[in-house]
Amino acid sequence: PRTYGRERYFMNFRVANNRLTGDAAFLFGRRNTVYDIDLSGNRLRFNLTGVVMPENLLFLNMSRDRIYGGVPASLAQLMKLTTLDLSYNQLWGEIPTGGNMGRFKPEAYEHNKCLCGTPLPAC
């Protein structure tokens, strides 16, 4: 990635289906300029709860990994986010509300440990 001051520029970061392991939290942060993140189909394992999403994020696919924790509240602040897939992980807790969160269907969250709240059944 290119770095200018404290900001990191990735633009698109697609590494789907590569058997990657470890923590991908370095991709996230309000100051990172990344529009498209596809980490799906790997073996990534990290706590998503406190992750702050890049403010310009449009596409986020982290399905079929081993990500745990809760869905971060920072997702609700992403007004440009059009695609979200967190399915087939180990996430739990209540899905944040507000912002664009009502746009995402239950399929975006299916097959997790114990997620609840709109668009899934109440907690």
N, C-alpha and C. Protein backbone atom coordinates (compact mmCIF):
# COMPACT_ATOMS: atom_id res chain seq x y z
N PRO A 1 0.82 -1.20 0.00
CA PRO A 1 0.00 0.00 0.00
C PRO A 1 0.85 1.25 0.00
N ARG A 2 0.35 2.29 -0.59
CA ARG A 2 1.01 3.59 -0.55
C ARG A 2 0.61 4.30 0.74
N THR A 3 1.52 5.03 1.33
CA THR A 3 1.24 5.75 2.56
C THR A 3 1.57 7.22 2.38
N TYR A 4 0.63 8.08 2.75
CA TYR A 4 0.82 9.52 2.73
C TYR A 4 0.42 10.03 4.10
N GLY A 5 1.39 10.46 4.90
CA GLY A 5 1.09 10.85 6.27
C GLY A 5 0.60 9.64 7.03
N ARG A 6 -0.57 9.75 7.62
CA ARG A 6 -1.14 8.62 8.37
C ARG A 6 -2.12 7.81 7.54
N GLU A 7 -2.44 8.26 6.35
CA GLU A 7 -3.40 7.56 5.52
C GLU A 7 -2.72 6.50 4.67
N ARG A 8 -3.40 5.37 4.50
CA ARG A 8 -2.93 4.31 3.61
C ARG A 8 -3.93 4.17 2.47
N TYR A 9 -3.41 4.03 1.26
CA TYR A 9 -4.26 3.95 0.08
C TYR A 9 -4.18 2.56 -0.52
N PHE A 10 -5.31 1.84 -0.52
CA PHE A 10 -5.37 0.51 -1.11
C PHE A 10 -6.26 0.52 -2.34
N MET A 11 -7.27 1.36 -2.36
CA MET A 11 -8.31 1.43 -3.39
C MET A 11 -9.12 0.14 -3.41
N ASN A 12 -8.57 -0.94 -3.96
CA ASN A 12 -9.24 -2.24 -3.97
C ASN A 12 -8.30 -3.25 -3.34
N PHE A 13 -8.86 -4.10 -2.50
CA PHE A 13 -8.06 -5.14 -1.87
C PHE A 13 -8.84 -6.43 -1.98
N ARG A 14 -8.53 -7.23 -2.97
CA ARG A 14 -9.25 -8.49 -3.24
C ARG A 14 -8.29 -9.66 -3.14
N VAL A 15 -8.50 -10.49 -2.13
CA VAL A 15 -7.65 -11.67 -1.92
C VAL A 15 -8.52 -12.89 -1.62
N ALA A 16 -9.64 -12.99 -2.27
CA ALA A 16 -10.59 -14.08 -2.02
C ALA A 16 -10.00 -15.43 -2.41
N ASN A 17 -10.40 -16.45 -1.63
CA ASN A 17 -10.09 -17.85 -1.91
C ASN A 17 -8.60 -18.14 -2.05
N ASN A 18 -7.83 -17.69 -1.09
CA ASN A 18 -6.38 -17.89 -1.12
C ASN A 18 -5.83 -18.63 0.10
N ARG A 19 -6.70 -19.13 0.97
CA ARG A 19 -6.27 -19.84 2.18
C ARG A 19 -5.40 -18.98 3.11
N LEU A 20 -5.60 -17.69 3.07
CA LEU A 20 -4.85 -16.79 3.95
C LEU A 20 -5.28 -16.99 5.39
N THR A 21 -4.34 -16.83 6.31
CA THR A 21 -4.62 -16.93 7.73
C THR A 21 -4.17 -15.66 8.41
N GLY A 22 -4.60 -15.48 9.65
CA GLY A 22 -4.12 -14.36 10.44
C GLY A 22 -5.14 -13.26 10.60
N ASP A 23 -4.65 -12.09 10.90
CA ASP A 23 -5.45 -10.92 11.26
C ASP A 23 -5.38 -9.91 10.12
N ALA A 24 -6.51 -9.55 9.56
CA ALA A 24 -6.55 -8.59 8.46
C ALA A 24 -6.99 -7.21 8.94
N ALA A 25 -6.94 -6.96 10.24
CA ALA A 25 -7.42 -5.70 10.79
C ALA A 25 -6.64 -4.49 10.26
N PHE A 26 -5.44 -4.69 9.75
CA PHE A 26 -4.65 -3.58 9.23
C PHE A 26 -5.32 -2.89 8.04
N LEU A 27 -6.25 -3.54 7.40
CA LEU A 27 -6.95 -2.95 6.25
C LEU A 27 -7.96 -1.89 6.66
N PHE A 28 -8.36 -1.94 7.92
CA PHE A 28 -9.44 -1.10 8.37
C PHE A 28 -8.92 0.12 9.11
N GLY A 29 -9.78 1.08 9.32
CA GLY A 29 -9.45 2.32 9.99
C GLY A 29 -10.05 3.46 9.20
N ARG A 30 -10.58 4.43 9.89
CA ARG A 30 -11.27 5.56 9.27
C ARG A 30 -10.40 6.24 8.21
N ARG A 31 -9.09 6.33 8.43
CA ARG A 31 -8.20 7.06 7.53
C ARG A 31 -7.70 6.25 6.34
N ASN A 32 -7.97 4.96 6.33
CA ASN A 32 -7.54 4.15 5.18
C ASN A 32 -8.47 4.43 4.00
N THR A 33 -7.89 4.62 2.86
CA THR A 33 -8.68 4.85 1.66
C THR A 33 -8.75 3.56 0.88
N VAL A 34 -9.82 2.83 1.15
CA VAL A 34 -10.06 1.58 0.44
C VAL A 34 -11.56 1.53 0.16
N TYR A 35 -11.89 1.21 -1.07
CA TYR A 35 -13.28 1.21 -1.51
C TYR A 35 -13.87 -0.19 -1.59
N ASP A 36 -13.02 -1.15 -1.78
CA ASP A 36 -13.47 -2.50 -2.12
C ASP A 36 -12.59 -3.50 -1.38
N ILE A 37 -13.18 -4.25 -0.44
CA ILE A 37 -12.44 -5.26 0.31
C ILE A 37 -13.13 -6.61 0.13
N ASP A 38 -12.40 -7.57 -0.41
CA ASP A 38 -12.93 -8.93 -0.54
C ASP A 38 -11.92 -9.89 0.09
N LEU A 39 -12.25 -10.35 1.29
CA LEU A 39 -11.41 -11.29 2.04
C LEU A 39 -12.05 -12.67 2.10
N SER A 40 -13.08 -12.89 1.33
CA SER A 40 -13.89 -14.10 1.43
C SER A 40 -13.12 -15.37 1.09
N GLY A 41 -13.59 -16.47 1.70
CA GLY A 41 -13.06 -17.78 1.39
C GLY A 41 -11.62 -18.02 1.82
N ASN A 42 -11.21 -17.39 2.89
CA ASN A 42 -9.88 -17.60 3.44
C ASN A 42 -10.00 -18.25 4.81
N ARG A 43 -8.98 -18.16 5.61
CA ARG A 43 -9.00 -18.69 6.98
C ARG A 43 -8.61 -17.60 7.97
N LEU A 44 -9.00 -16.38 7.65
CA LEU A 44 -8.66 -15.24 8.49
C LEU A 44 -9.41 -15.33 9.81
N ARG A 45 -8.71 -14.99 10.89
CA ARG A 45 -9.30 -15.06 12.23
C ARG A 45 -8.90 -13.83 13.01
N PHE A 46 -9.90 -12.98 13.29
CA PHE A 46 -9.67 -11.80 14.12
C PHE A 46 -11.01 -11.31 14.65
N ASN A 47 -10.95 -10.48 15.68
CA ASN A 47 -12.14 -9.94 16.32
C ASN A 47 -12.59 -8.71 15.55
N LEU A 48 -13.79 -8.76 15.02
CA LEU A 48 -14.33 -7.67 14.21
C LEU A 48 -14.99 -6.58 15.05
N THR A 49 -15.27 -6.85 16.32
CA THR A 49 -16.08 -5.97 17.17
C THR A 49 -15.66 -4.50 17.12
N GLY A 50 -14.43 -4.18 17.39
CA GLY A 50 -14.01 -2.79 17.49
C GLY A 50 -13.40 -2.21 16.23
N VAL A 51 -13.50 -2.92 15.14
CA VAL A 51 -12.89 -2.45 13.89
C VAL A 51 -13.64 -1.22 13.39
N VAL A 52 -12.89 -0.21 13.00
CA VAL A 52 -13.47 1.01 12.43
C VAL A 52 -13.32 0.91 10.92
N MET A 53 -14.44 1.01 10.24
CA MET A 53 -14.44 0.84 8.79
C MET A 53 -13.98 2.11 8.07
N PRO A 54 -13.28 1.95 6.94
CA PRO A 54 -12.89 3.12 6.14
C PRO A 54 -14.14 3.86 5.67
N GLU A 55 -14.12 5.17 5.76
CA GLU A 55 -15.33 5.96 5.50
C GLU A 55 -15.82 5.90 4.06
N ASN A 56 -14.97 5.56 3.11
CA ASN A 56 -15.37 5.51 1.70
C ASN A 56 -15.69 4.11 1.20
N LEU A 57 -15.80 3.15 2.10
CA LEU A 57 -16.01 1.76 1.71
C LEU A 57 -17.33 1.58 0.96
N LEU A 58 -17.25 0.91 -0.19
CA LEU A 58 -18.42 0.62 -1.03
C LEU A 58 -18.80 -0.85 -1.00
N PHE A 59 -17.80 -1.73 -0.90
CA PHE A 59 -17.99 -3.18 -1.04
C PHE A 59 -17.20 -3.88 0.05
N LEU A 60 -17.86 -4.75 0.81
CA LEU A 60 -17.17 -5.51 1.86
C LEU A 60 -17.68 -6.95 1.86
N ASN A 61 -16.79 -7.88 1.53
CA ASN A 61 -17.12 -9.30 1.58
C ASN A 61 -16.08 -10.00 2.44
N MET A 62 -16.52 -10.45 3.61
CA MET A 62 -15.67 -11.21 4.51
C MET A 62 -16.32 -12.55 4.82
N SER A 63 -17.07 -13.08 3.88
CA SER A 63 -17.77 -14.34 4.09
C SER A 63 -16.80 -15.51 4.06
N ARG A 64 -17.23 -16.59 4.72
CA ARG A 64 -16.49 -17.86 4.72
C ARG A 64 -15.05 -17.72 5.24
N ASP A 65 -14.93 -17.04 6.36
CA ASP A 65 -13.66 -16.96 7.07
C ASP A 65 -13.89 -17.47 8.48
N ARG A 66 -13.08 -17.05 9.43
CA ARG A 66 -13.24 -17.46 10.83
C ARG A 66 -13.29 -16.23 11.73
N ILE A 67 -13.89 -15.19 11.21
CA ILE A 67 -13.96 -13.92 11.92
C ILE A 67 -14.98 -14.02 13.05
N TYR A 68 -14.64 -13.47 14.21
CA TYR A 68 -15.50 -13.59 15.39
C TYR A 68 -15.76 -12.22 15.99
N GLY A 69 -16.60 -12.18 17.02
CA GLY A 69 -16.95 -10.94 17.68
C GLY A 69 -18.28 -10.43 17.16
N GLY A 70 -18.51 -9.14 17.32
CA GLY A 70 -19.75 -8.53 16.89
C GLY A 70 -19.58 -7.74 15.60
N VAL A 71 -20.70 -7.42 15.00
CA VAL A 71 -20.70 -6.56 13.81
C VAL A 71 -20.42 -5.14 14.30
N PRO A 72 -19.38 -4.50 13.80
CA PRO A 72 -18.99 -3.18 14.33
C PRO A 72 -20.02 -2.09 14.05
N ALA A 73 -20.23 -1.23 15.03
CA ALA A 73 -21.16 -0.11 14.89
C ALA A 73 -20.74 0.83 13.76
N SER A 74 -19.45 0.85 13.43
CA SER A 74 -18.96 1.76 12.38
C SER A 74 -19.55 1.43 11.01
N LEU A 75 -20.08 0.21 10.83
CA LEU A 75 -20.73 -0.12 9.55
C LEU A 75 -21.95 0.76 9.30
N ALA A 76 -22.68 1.10 10.36
CA ALA A 76 -23.89 1.91 10.22
C ALA A 76 -23.58 3.34 9.76
N GLN A 77 -22.34 3.77 9.87
CA GLN A 77 -21.95 5.12 9.47
C GLN A 77 -21.53 5.21 8.02
N LEU A 78 -21.48 4.08 7.32
CA LEU A 78 -20.99 4.05 5.94
C LEU A 78 -22.14 4.29 4.97
N MET A 79 -22.35 5.51 4.59
CA MET A 79 -23.48 5.85 3.73
C MET A 79 -23.29 5.38 2.28
N LYS A 80 -22.06 5.09 1.88
CA LYS A 80 -21.79 4.67 0.50
C LYS A 80 -21.74 3.15 0.34
N LEU A 81 -21.78 2.40 1.44
CA LEU A 81 -21.66 0.95 1.38
C LEU A 81 -22.87 0.36 0.65
N THR A 82 -22.60 -0.36 -0.45
CA THR A 82 -23.68 -0.95 -1.25
C THR A 82 -23.72 -2.47 -1.14
N THR A 83 -22.60 -3.10 -0.80
CA THR A 83 -22.53 -4.55 -0.72
C THR A 83 -21.88 -4.96 0.59
N LEU A 84 -22.55 -5.89 1.29
CA LEU A 84 -22.02 -6.39 2.56
C LEU A 84 -22.31 -7.89 2.63
N ASP A 85 -21.27 -8.68 2.93
CA ASP A 85 -21.45 -10.11 3.14
C ASP A 85 -20.54 -10.55 4.28
N LEU A 86 -21.15 -10.87 5.42
CA LEU A 86 -20.43 -11.35 6.60
C LEU A 86 -20.82 -12.78 6.93
N SER A 87 -21.44 -13.47 6.00
CA SER A 87 -21.96 -14.81 6.23
C SER A 87 -20.85 -15.84 6.45
N TYR A 88 -21.23 -16.94 7.10
CA TYR A 88 -20.34 -18.08 7.35
C TYR A 88 -19.08 -17.68 8.13
N ASN A 89 -19.30 -17.05 9.26
CA ASN A 89 -18.22 -16.72 10.18
C ASN A 89 -18.63 -17.15 11.58
N GLN A 90 -18.08 -16.54 12.59
CA GLN A 90 -18.39 -16.88 13.98
C GLN A 90 -18.83 -15.63 14.74
N LEU A 91 -19.60 -14.79 14.08
CA LEU A 91 -20.04 -13.53 14.66
C LEU A 91 -21.24 -13.75 15.58
N TRP A 92 -21.37 -12.87 16.59
CA TRP A 92 -22.49 -12.95 17.52
C TRP A 92 -22.89 -11.54 17.93
N GLY A 93 -24.07 -11.44 18.54
CA GLY A 93 -24.55 -10.17 19.06
C GLY A 93 -25.55 -9.50 18.14
N GLU A 94 -25.89 -8.27 18.50
CA GLU A 94 -26.91 -7.52 17.77
C GLU A 94 -26.29 -6.76 16.60
N ILE A 95 -26.96 -6.83 15.47
CA ILE A 95 -26.53 -6.11 14.26
C ILE A 95 -26.85 -4.64 14.47
N PRO A 96 -25.90 -3.74 14.21
CA PRO A 96 -26.18 -2.31 14.39
C PRO A 96 -27.28 -1.83 13.44
N THR A 97 -27.95 -0.77 13.83
CA THR A 97 -29.02 -0.20 13.02
C THR A 97 -28.65 1.21 12.59
N GLY A 98 -29.44 1.75 11.69
CA GLY A 98 -29.24 3.11 11.23
C GLY A 98 -28.44 3.14 9.94
N GLY A 99 -28.31 4.32 9.38
CA GLY A 99 -27.55 4.48 8.14
C GLY A 99 -28.11 3.59 7.05
N ASN A 100 -27.22 2.89 6.37
CA ASN A 100 -27.59 1.98 5.28
C ASN A 100 -27.88 0.56 5.74
N MET A 101 -27.86 0.29 7.02
CA MET A 101 -27.96 -1.09 7.50
C MET A 101 -29.26 -1.77 7.07
N GLY A 102 -30.32 -1.02 6.88
CA GLY A 102 -31.59 -1.59 6.44
C GLY A 102 -31.57 -2.10 5.01
N ARG A 103 -30.55 -1.77 4.27
CA ARG A 103 -30.43 -2.18 2.87
C ARG A 103 -30.00 -3.63 2.73
N PHE A 104 -29.36 -4.20 3.75
CA PHE A 104 -28.78 -5.53 3.63
C PHE A 104 -29.75 -6.62 4.08
N LYS A 105 -29.84 -7.65 3.28
CA LYS A 105 -30.76 -8.77 3.49
C LYS A 105 -30.19 -9.77 4.51
N PRO A 106 -31.04 -10.67 5.02
CA PRO A 106 -30.57 -11.68 5.98
C PRO A 106 -29.39 -12.51 5.47
N GLU A 107 -29.31 -12.73 4.17
CA GLU A 107 -28.22 -13.53 3.59
C GLU A 107 -26.85 -12.95 3.90
N ALA A 108 -26.78 -11.66 4.13
CA ALA A 108 -25.49 -11.01 4.44
C ALA A 108 -24.94 -11.47 5.79
N TYR A 109 -25.79 -12.06 6.63
CA TYR A 109 -25.41 -12.43 7.99
C TYR A 109 -25.60 -13.92 8.31
N GLU A 110 -26.09 -14.70 7.37
CA GLU A 110 -26.45 -16.08 7.67
C GLU A 110 -25.25 -16.95 8.05
N HIS A 111 -25.54 -18.01 8.78
CA HIS A 111 -24.55 -19.01 9.20
C HIS A 111 -23.42 -18.41 10.05
N ASN A 112 -23.82 -17.65 11.04
CA ASN A 112 -22.89 -17.15 12.04
C ASN A 112 -23.25 -17.78 13.37
N LYS A 113 -22.48 -17.49 14.38
CA LYS A 113 -22.66 -18.13 15.69
C LYS A 113 -24.00 -17.74 16.32
N CYS A 114 -24.26 -16.45 16.41
CA CYS A 114 -25.50 -16.03 17.07
C CYS A 114 -25.75 -14.54 16.84
N LEU A 115 -26.08 -14.16 15.62
CA LEU A 115 -26.42 -12.77 15.32
C LEU A 115 -27.93 -12.58 15.44
N CYS A 116 -28.32 -11.38 15.81
CA CYS A 116 -29.74 -11.08 15.94
C CYS A 116 -29.99 -9.61 15.64
N GLY A 117 -31.25 -9.25 15.47
CA GLY A 117 -31.64 -7.88 15.15
C GLY A 117 -31.81 -7.72 13.65
N THR A 118 -32.49 -6.68 13.26
CA THR A 118 -32.83 -6.43 11.86
C THR A 118 -31.63 -6.61 10.95
N PRO A 119 -31.78 -7.42 9.91
CA PRO A 119 -32.95 -8.07 9.33
C PRO A 119 -33.19 -9.49 9.86
N LEU A 120 -32.49 -9.90 10.88
CA LEU A 120 -32.68 -11.21 11.49
C LEU A 120 -33.69 -11.11 12.62
N PRO A 121 -34.11 -12.23 13.21
CA PRO A 121 -35.04 -12.15 14.35
C PRO A 121 -34.46 -11.32 15.49
N ALA A 122 -35.35 -10.78 16.30
CA ALA A 122 -34.96 -9.95 17.44
C ALA A 122 -34.12 -10.75 18.44
N CYS A 123 -33.33 -10.02 19.20
CA CYS A 123 -32.47 -10.63 20.22
C CYS A 123 -33.26 -11.06 21.44
